[in-house]
Amino acid sequence: MEWISFFDRQPENGQGIWYYGPMIGVWAGEYNYSPNDPVSPHIMHCHESFGVVDRMDAPWWMPDDGVMVRPQRPTQEYPSDYPS
């Protein structure tokens, strides 16, 4: 499975995903879209520990089919469409 940039395409609200950020590593969680959130509408809730990040912290994602083992991190730390 390939890593997807959060700035190209978002998961479905409530979807189980793997997500990656260079400062946090690879984690399993759930994507939640909250358009009225004053900080960020794109939030990932971690399934492996207590934690919440947004797409700026974790700019890469891939679907979690519930079977796959922890994927290797992407070859690039940030996608080419990451905001500067």
C-alpha atoms as a PDB file:
ATOM      1  CA  MET A   1       0.000   0.000   0.000  1.00  0.00           C
ATOM      2  CA  GLU A   2       1.202   3.526  -0.783  1.00  0.00           C
ATOM      3  CA  TRP A   3       1.365   6.585   1.477  1.00  0.00           C
ATOM      4  CA  ILE A   4      -1.082   9.367   0.555  1.00  0.00           C
ATOM      5  CA  SER A   5      -0.555  13.075   1.174  1.00  0.00           C
ATOM      6  CA  PHE A   6      -3.214  14.648   3.438  1.00  0.00           C
ATOM      7  CA  PHE A   7      -2.964  17.716   1.208  1.00  0.00           C
ATOM      8  CA  ASP A   8      -3.894  15.730  -1.898  1.00  0.00           C
ATOM      9  CA  ARG A   9      -6.705  13.590  -0.432  1.00  0.00           C
ATOM     10  CA  GLN A  10      -8.247  12.992   2.998  1.00  0.00           C
ATOM     11  CA  PRO A  11      -9.611   9.757   4.458  1.00  0.00           C
ATOM     12  CA  GLU A  12     -13.311   9.384   5.137  1.00  0.00           C
ATOM     13  CA  ASN A  13     -14.528  10.716   8.466  1.00  0.00           C
ATOM     14  CA  GLY A  14     -14.155   7.935  11.058  1.00  0.00           C
ATOM     15  CA  GLN A  15     -11.881   5.813   8.841  1.00  0.00           C
ATOM     16  CA  GLY A  16      -9.144   3.699  10.441  1.00  0.00           C
ATOM     17  CA  ILE A  17      -5.757   4.769   9.092  1.00  0.00           C
ATOM     18  CA  TRP A  18      -2.023   4.548   9.512  1.00  0.00           C
ATOM     19  CA  TYR A  19      -0.438   7.989   9.690  1.00  0.00           C
ATOM     20  CA  TYR A  20       3.123   9.284   9.655  1.00  0.00           C
ATOM     21  CA  GLY A  21       4.914  12.465  10.610  1.00  0.00           C
ATOM     22  CA  PRO A  22       8.684  12.940  10.808  1.00  0.00           C
ATOM     23  CA  MET A  23       8.497  14.068  14.450  1.00  0.00           C
ATOM     24  CA  ILE A  24       6.073  11.332  15.596  1.00  0.00           C
ATOM     25  CA  GLY A  25       6.700   8.245  13.438  1.00  0.00           C
ATOM     26  CA  VAL A  26       4.094   5.721  12.212  1.00  0.00           C
ATOM     27  CA  TRP A  27       0.890   5.172  14.233  1.00  0.00           C
ATOM     28  CA  ALA A  28      -2.520   3.525  13.832  1.00  0.00           C
ATOM     29  CA  GLY A  29      -5.560   5.664  14.501  1.00  0.00           C
ATOM     30  CA  GLU A  30      -8.810   7.124  13.301  1.00  0.00           C
ATOM     31  CA  TYR A  31      -9.347  10.183  11.148  1.00  0.00           C
ATOM     32  CA  ASN A  32     -11.970  12.683  12.285  1.00  0.00           C
ATOM     33  CA  TYR A  33     -13.118  15.675  10.296  1.00  0.00           C
ATOM     34  CA  SER A  34     -14.576  18.499  12.419  1.00  0.00           C
ATOM     35  CA  PRO A  35     -15.109  21.558  10.190  1.00  0.00           C
ATOM     36  CA  ASN A  36     -15.983  23.807  13.164  1.00  0.00           C
ATOM     37  CA  ASP A  37     -12.875  22.958  15.214  1.00  0.00           C
ATOM     38  CA  PRO A  38     -11.115  26.283  15.898  1.00  0.00           C
ATOM     39  CA  VAL A  39      -7.612  24.768  15.697  1.00  0.00           C
ATOM     40  CA  SER A  40      -7.739  22.152  12.933  1.00  0.00           C
ATOM     41  CA  PRO A  41     -10.592  20.328  11.193  1.00  0.00           C
ATOM     42  CA  HIS A  42      -8.310  17.346  10.339  1.00  0.00           C
ATOM     43  CA  ILE A  43      -7.586  15.284  13.488  1.00  0.00           C
ATOM     44  CA  MET A  44      -6.178  11.797  14.011  1.00  0.00           C
ATOM     45  CA  HIS A  45      -6.966   9.978  17.276  1.00  0.00           C
ATOM     46  CA  CYS A  46      -4.328   7.378  18.077  1.00  0.00           C
ATOM     47  CA  HIS A  47      -5.452   3.761  18.692  1.00  0.00           C
ATOM     48  CA  GLU A  48      -2.116   2.775  20.222  1.00  0.00           C
ATOM     49  CA  SER A  49      -1.679   5.397  22.928  1.00  0.00           C
ATOM     50  CA  PHE A  50      -3.319   8.539  24.231  1.00  0.00           C
ATOM     51  CA  GLY A  51      -2.702  11.147  21.601  1.00  0.00           C
ATOM     52  CA  VAL A  52      -4.160  13.434  18.981  1.00  0.00           C
ATOM     53  CA  VAL A  53      -2.392  15.047  16.016  1.00  0.00           C
ATOM     54  CA  ASP A  54      -3.478  17.017  12.965  1.00  0.00           C
ATOM     55  CA  ARG A  55      -2.411  16.795   9.329  1.00  0.00           C
ATOM     56  CA  MET A  56       0.419  19.288   9.848  1.00  0.00           C
ATOM     57  CA  ASP A  57       1.974  16.858  12.386  1.00  0.00           C
ATOM     58  CA  ALA A  58       1.206  13.806  10.254  1.00  0.00           C
ATOM     59  CA  PRO A  59       1.091  14.766   6.572  1.00  0.00           C
ATOM     60  CA  TRP A  60       1.003  11.157   5.291  1.00  0.00           C
ATOM     61  CA  TRP A  61      -1.700   8.486   5.678  1.00  0.00           C
ATOM     62  CA  MET A  62      -2.864   5.131   4.298  1.00  0.00           C
ATOM     63  CA  PRO A  63      -5.977   3.039   4.975  1.00  0.00           C
ATOM     64  CA  ASP A  64      -5.776   0.550   7.850  1.00  0.00           C
ATOM     65  CA  ASP A  65      -7.436  -2.665   6.734  1.00  0.00           C
ATOM     66  CA  GLY A  66      -7.046  -4.176  10.215  1.00  0.00           C
ATOM     67  CA  VAL A  67      -4.755  -6.901   8.898  1.00  0.00           C
ATOM     68  CA  MET A  68      -1.632  -5.059   7.799  1.00  0.00           C
ATOM     69  CA  VAL A  69       1.372  -4.872  10.110  1.00  0.00           C
ATOM     70  CA  ARG A  70       2.947  -1.493  10.865  1.00  0.00           C
ATOM     71  CA  PRO A  71       4.075  -0.066   7.509  1.00  0.00           C
ATOM     72  CA  GLN A  72       7.517   1.344   6.844  1.00  0.00           C
ATOM     73  CA  ARG A  73       7.703   5.125   6.908  1.00  0.00           C
ATOM     74  CA  PRO A  74       7.466   6.927   3.564  1.00  0.00           C
ATOM     75  CA  THR A  75      10.647   7.644   1.636  1.00  0.00           C
ATOM     76  CA  GLN A  76      10.099  11.429   1.926  1.00  0.00           C
ATOM     77  CA  GLU A  77       9.505  13.094   5.299  1.00  0.00           C
ATOM     78  CA  TYR A  78       7.032  15.580   3.803  1.00  0.00           C
ATOM     79  CA  PRO A  79       4.905  15.339   0.663  1.00  0.00           C
ATOM     80  CA  SER A  80       5.717  17.719  -2.172  1.00  0.00           C
ATOM     81  CA  ASP A  81       2.396  19.541  -1.617  1.00  0.00           C
ATOM     82  CA  TYR A  82       3.060  20.183   2.105  1.00  0.00           C
ATOM     83  CA  PRO A  83       2.391  23.905   2.814  1.00  0.00           C
ATOM     84  CA  SER A  84       5.511  25.967   3.432  1.00  0.00           C
END
